[in-house]
């Protein structure tokens, strides 16, 4: 499964793709930062907002921020976007400490 996000409301640099194979291998491009990770949750930033990946036995196999590439392996249960507006207002960390 592969999705290409196209939203012209906010100017962004580069492209962003998410590809999930058999719910085991996730490849993401357009990654600008990884905010946190453990074997159950990985939180990353893209120009299109924050992405939270949840599952079990999650491992980052490849991370290249310069190229914006991230490869994850494990049991992927969900991939959730938070809007770019939330990123600018502090993202999930600001909601955590309300």
N, C-alpha and C. Protein backbone atom coordinates (compact mmCIF):
# COMPACT_ATOMS: atom_id res chain seq x y z
N UNK A 1 0.84 -1.15 0.00
CA UNK A 1 0.00 0.00 0.00
C UNK A 1 0.90 1.23 0.00
N UNK A 2 0.63 2.17 -0.87
CA UNK A 2 1.44 3.37 -0.95
C UNK A 2 0.53 4.56 -1.17
N UNK A 3 0.76 5.62 -0.40
CA UNK A 3 -0.04 6.84 -0.53
C UNK A 3 0.87 8.01 -0.80
N UNK A 4 0.43 8.90 -1.62
CA UNK A 4 1.15 10.14 -1.86
C UNK A 4 0.27 11.27 -1.38
N UNK A 5 0.78 12.07 -0.48
CA UNK A 5 0.00 13.16 0.11
C UNK A 5 0.22 14.41 -0.73
N UNK A 6 -0.88 15.00 -1.17
CA UNK A 6 -0.80 16.25 -1.91
C UNK A 6 -1.77 17.23 -1.29
N UNK A 7 -1.25 18.25 -0.65
CA UNK A 7 -2.05 19.27 0.00
C UNK A 7 -1.42 20.61 -0.36
N UNK A 8 -2.09 21.40 -1.15
CA UNK A 8 -1.52 22.64 -1.63
C UNK A 8 -1.83 23.83 -0.74
N UNK A 9 -2.47 23.61 0.42
CA UNK A 9 -2.85 24.72 1.28
C UNK A 9 -1.64 25.34 1.97
N UNK A 10 -0.59 24.58 2.20
CA UNK A 10 0.63 25.09 2.84
C UNK A 10 1.81 24.71 1.97
N UNK A 11 2.65 25.68 1.59
CA UNK A 11 3.81 25.32 0.76
C UNK A 11 4.76 24.42 1.54
N UNK A 12 5.22 23.35 0.88
CA UNK A 12 6.12 22.39 1.51
C UNK A 12 7.25 22.05 0.55
N UNK A 13 8.32 21.57 1.12
CA UNK A 13 9.45 21.19 0.30
C UNK A 13 9.48 19.68 0.13
N UNK A 14 9.81 19.22 -1.05
CA UNK A 14 10.01 17.80 -1.28
C UNK A 14 8.72 17.02 -1.36
N UNK A 15 8.88 15.72 -1.46
CA UNK A 15 7.72 14.82 -1.53
C UNK A 15 7.64 13.99 -0.26
N UNK A 16 6.49 13.38 -0.08
CA UNK A 16 6.27 12.57 1.10
C UNK A 16 5.51 11.32 0.69
N UNK A 17 6.04 10.17 1.03
CA UNK A 17 5.35 8.91 0.74
C UNK A 17 5.38 8.02 1.97
N UNK A 18 4.36 7.18 2.07
CA UNK A 18 4.28 6.17 3.10
C UNK A 18 3.97 4.85 2.40
N UNK A 19 4.81 3.85 2.61
CA UNK A 19 4.60 2.55 1.98
C UNK A 19 4.65 1.48 3.07
N UNK A 20 3.58 0.69 3.16
CA UNK A 20 3.49 -0.37 4.15
C UNK A 20 3.32 -1.70 3.43
N UNK A 21 4.25 -2.62 3.67
CA UNK A 21 4.21 -3.95 3.06
C UNK A 21 3.86 -4.98 4.13
N UNK A 22 2.73 -5.67 3.93
CA UNK A 22 2.32 -6.79 4.79
C UNK A 22 2.25 -6.42 6.28
N UNK A 23 2.01 -5.16 6.57
CA UNK A 23 1.96 -4.67 7.96
C UNK A 23 3.22 -4.97 8.74
N UNK A 24 4.34 -5.22 8.05
CA UNK A 24 5.60 -5.56 8.70
C UNK A 24 6.74 -4.61 8.36
N UNK A 25 6.72 -4.03 7.16
CA UNK A 25 7.81 -3.16 6.72
C UNK A 25 7.21 -1.83 6.28
N UNK A 26 7.60 -0.75 6.95
CA UNK A 26 7.09 0.58 6.66
C UNK A 26 8.24 1.45 6.18
N UNK A 27 8.05 2.10 5.03
CA UNK A 27 9.03 3.04 4.50
C UNK A 27 8.36 4.40 4.39
N UNK A 28 9.03 5.42 4.91
CA UNK A 28 8.49 6.78 4.88
C UNK A 28 9.56 7.70 4.30
N UNK A 29 9.17 8.56 3.36
CA UNK A 29 10.07 9.59 2.85
C UNK A 29 9.51 10.94 3.25
N UNK A 30 10.36 11.94 3.22
CA UNK A 30 9.95 13.28 3.62
C UNK A 30 10.04 13.47 5.13
N UNK A 31 10.79 12.62 5.81
CA UNK A 31 10.95 12.71 7.26
C UNK A 31 11.94 13.82 7.59
N UNK A 32 11.53 14.73 8.48
CA UNK A 32 12.42 15.82 8.88
C UNK A 32 13.02 15.62 10.27
N UNK A 33 12.40 14.76 11.09
CA UNK A 33 12.90 14.52 12.44
C UNK A 33 12.21 13.30 13.04
N UNK A 34 12.87 12.65 13.96
CA UNK A 34 12.25 11.59 14.77
C UNK A 34 12.20 12.11 16.19
N UNK A 35 10.98 12.28 16.71
CA UNK A 35 10.81 12.87 18.04
C UNK A 35 10.95 11.86 19.17
N UNK A 36 10.71 10.60 18.89
CA UNK A 36 10.86 9.60 19.93
C UNK A 36 10.51 8.23 19.39
N UNK A 37 11.05 7.21 20.06
CA UNK A 37 10.74 5.86 19.61
C UNK A 37 11.02 4.86 20.72
N UNK A 38 10.27 3.79 20.71
CA UNK A 38 10.54 2.60 21.49
C UNK A 38 9.96 1.44 20.69
N UNK A 39 9.87 0.26 21.26
CA UNK A 39 9.43 -0.89 20.47
C UNK A 39 7.93 -0.90 20.21
N UNK A 40 7.18 0.07 20.81
CA UNK A 40 5.73 0.13 20.61
C UNK A 40 5.26 1.38 19.86
N UNK A 41 6.05 2.44 19.87
CA UNK A 41 5.63 3.71 19.28
C UNK A 41 6.83 4.42 18.65
N UNK A 42 6.61 4.96 17.46
CA UNK A 42 7.62 5.81 16.81
C UNK A 42 6.90 7.09 16.38
N UNK A 43 7.44 8.24 16.78
CA UNK A 43 6.85 9.53 16.44
C UNK A 43 7.84 10.27 15.56
N UNK A 44 7.39 10.68 14.36
CA UNK A 44 8.27 11.37 13.44
C UNK A 44 7.58 12.59 12.84
N UNK A 45 8.39 13.52 12.39
CA UNK A 45 7.89 14.76 11.80
C UNK A 45 8.11 14.75 10.30
N UNK A 46 7.12 15.27 9.58
CA UNK A 46 7.21 15.48 8.14
C UNK A 46 6.67 16.87 7.84
N UNK A 47 6.86 17.38 6.65
CA UNK A 47 6.27 18.67 6.30
C UNK A 47 4.73 18.64 6.32
N UNK A 48 4.15 17.46 6.35
CA UNK A 48 2.69 17.32 6.34
C UNK A 48 2.12 17.06 7.72
N UNK A 49 2.94 17.10 8.74
CA UNK A 49 2.49 16.89 10.10
C UNK A 49 3.26 15.77 10.77
N UNK A 50 2.90 15.54 12.02
CA UNK A 50 3.52 14.47 12.79
C UNK A 50 2.87 13.14 12.42
N UNK A 51 3.66 12.08 12.44
CA UNK A 51 3.14 10.73 12.22
C UNK A 51 3.50 9.91 13.46
N UNK A 52 2.50 9.22 13.98
CA UNK A 52 2.71 8.30 15.09
C UNK A 52 2.44 6.89 14.59
N UNK A 53 3.45 6.04 14.66
CA UNK A 53 3.33 4.65 14.26
C UNK A 53 3.29 3.82 15.55
N UNK A 54 2.24 2.98 15.68
CA UNK A 54 2.15 2.13 16.85
C UNK A 54 2.14 0.67 16.42
N UNK A 55 2.59 -0.19 17.32
CA UNK A 55 2.62 -1.62 17.03
C UNK A 55 3.44 -2.34 18.08
N UNK A 56 4.07 -3.42 17.68
CA UNK A 56 4.92 -4.17 18.59
C UNK A 56 6.19 -4.59 17.85
N UNK A 57 7.25 -4.74 18.61
CA UNK A 57 8.55 -5.13 18.07
C UNK A 57 9.01 -4.19 16.95
N UNK A 58 8.72 -2.89 17.09
CA UNK A 58 9.10 -1.92 16.07
C UNK A 58 10.58 -1.59 16.19
N UNK A 59 11.27 -1.62 15.07
CA UNK A 59 12.70 -1.31 15.00
C UNK A 59 12.95 -0.39 13.82
N UNK A 60 13.78 0.60 14.01
CA UNK A 60 14.19 1.48 12.91
C UNK A 60 15.39 0.83 12.24
N UNK A 61 15.19 0.41 10.99
CA UNK A 61 16.27 -0.23 10.24
C UNK A 61 17.14 0.78 9.53
N UNK A 62 16.55 1.87 9.07
CA UNK A 62 17.30 2.88 8.33
C UNK A 62 16.73 4.24 8.68
N UNK A 63 17.61 5.18 8.97
CA UNK A 63 17.21 6.56 9.21
C UNK A 63 18.25 7.47 8.58
N UNK A 64 17.82 8.29 7.65
CA UNK A 64 18.69 9.27 7.02
C UNK A 64 17.92 10.58 6.93
N UNK A 65 18.12 11.44 7.91
CA UNK A 65 17.39 12.72 7.96
C UNK A 65 17.79 13.61 6.79
N UNK A 66 19.05 13.54 6.37
CA UNK A 66 19.50 14.36 5.23
C UNK A 66 18.70 14.05 3.97
N UNK A 67 18.40 12.76 3.76
CA UNK A 67 17.61 12.35 2.60
C UNK A 67 16.12 12.25 2.93
N UNK A 68 15.78 12.30 4.23
CA UNK A 68 14.39 12.22 4.65
C UNK A 68 13.80 10.82 4.59
N UNK A 69 14.64 9.78 4.71
CA UNK A 69 14.18 8.39 4.57
C UNK A 69 14.18 7.70 5.92
N UNK A 70 13.12 6.91 6.16
CA UNK A 70 13.01 6.11 7.37
C UNK A 70 12.41 4.76 7.01
N UNK A 71 13.04 3.67 7.45
CA UNK A 71 12.52 2.32 7.26
C UNK A 71 12.31 1.69 8.63
N UNK A 72 11.10 1.17 8.85
CA UNK A 72 10.73 0.55 10.11
C UNK A 72 10.31 -0.89 9.84
N UNK A 73 10.70 -1.78 10.75
CA UNK A 73 10.26 -3.17 10.65
C UNK A 73 9.63 -3.56 11.97
N UNK A 74 8.57 -4.36 11.92
CA UNK A 74 7.87 -4.82 13.11
C UNK A 74 6.41 -5.06 12.78
N UNK A 75 5.61 -5.22 13.81
CA UNK A 75 4.17 -5.42 13.64
C UNK A 75 3.46 -4.07 13.73
N UNK A 76 3.07 -3.50 12.60
CA UNK A 76 2.46 -2.18 12.56
C UNK A 76 0.95 -2.31 12.80
N UNK A 77 0.46 -1.65 13.85
CA UNK A 77 -0.96 -1.64 14.16
C UNK A 77 -1.66 -0.41 13.62
N UNK A 78 -0.98 0.76 13.68
CA UNK A 78 -1.61 1.98 13.19
C UNK A 78 -0.57 2.99 12.74
N UNK A 79 -1.02 3.84 11.82
CA UNK A 79 -0.23 4.98 11.36
C UNK A 79 -1.17 6.17 11.45
N UNK A 80 -0.85 7.13 12.31
CA UNK A 80 -1.75 8.25 12.54
C UNK A 80 -1.04 9.57 12.30
N UNK A 81 -1.71 10.44 11.52
CA UNK A 81 -1.19 11.77 11.27
C UNK A 81 -1.80 12.76 12.25
N UNK A 82 -1.00 13.72 12.67
CA UNK A 82 -1.48 14.91 13.35
C UNK A 82 -1.20 16.05 12.39
N UNK A 83 -2.09 16.98 12.29
CA UNK A 83 -1.97 18.02 11.27
C UNK A 83 -0.74 18.88 11.49
N UNK A 84 -0.30 19.54 10.43
CA UNK A 84 0.84 20.45 10.49
C UNK A 84 0.54 21.61 11.43
N UNK A 85 -0.75 22.00 11.55
CA UNK A 85 -1.13 23.07 12.47
C UNK A 85 -0.79 22.69 13.90
N UNK A 86 -1.03 21.45 14.27
CA UNK A 86 -0.71 20.99 15.62
C UNK A 86 0.79 21.02 15.85
N UNK A 87 1.57 20.71 14.82
CA UNK A 87 3.03 20.76 14.96
C UNK A 87 3.47 22.16 15.34
N UNK A 88 2.90 23.16 14.67
CA UNK A 88 3.31 24.54 14.90
C UNK A 88 2.89 25.01 16.28
N UNK A 89 1.85 24.42 16.86
CA UNK A 89 1.36 24.82 18.17
C UNK A 89 1.95 23.98 19.28
N UNK A 90 2.91 23.13 18.99
CA UNK A 90 3.57 22.37 20.02
C UNK A 90 3.39 20.88 19.91
N UNK A 91 2.48 20.43 19.07
CA UNK A 91 2.31 19.01 18.81
C UNK A 91 1.85 18.21 20.01
N UNK A 92 2.17 16.94 19.99
CA UNK A 92 1.68 16.02 21.00
C UNK A 92 2.27 16.29 22.37
N UNK A 93 3.48 16.87 22.41
CA UNK A 93 4.09 17.17 23.71
C UNK A 93 3.29 18.23 24.46
N UNK A 94 2.80 19.24 23.76
CA UNK A 94 2.02 20.28 24.44
C UNK A 94 0.70 19.72 24.96
N UNK A 95 0.10 18.78 24.22
CA UNK A 95 -1.13 18.16 24.71
C UNK A 95 -0.86 17.26 25.89
N UNK A 96 0.30 16.64 25.95
CA UNK A 96 0.65 15.75 27.03
C UNK A 96 0.77 16.50 28.35
N UNK A 97 1.29 17.73 28.32
CA UNK A 97 1.55 18.49 29.54
C UNK A 97 0.52 19.57 29.82
N UNK A 98 -0.70 19.43 29.31
CA UNK A 98 -1.75 20.41 29.62
C UNK A 98 -2.20 20.31 31.04
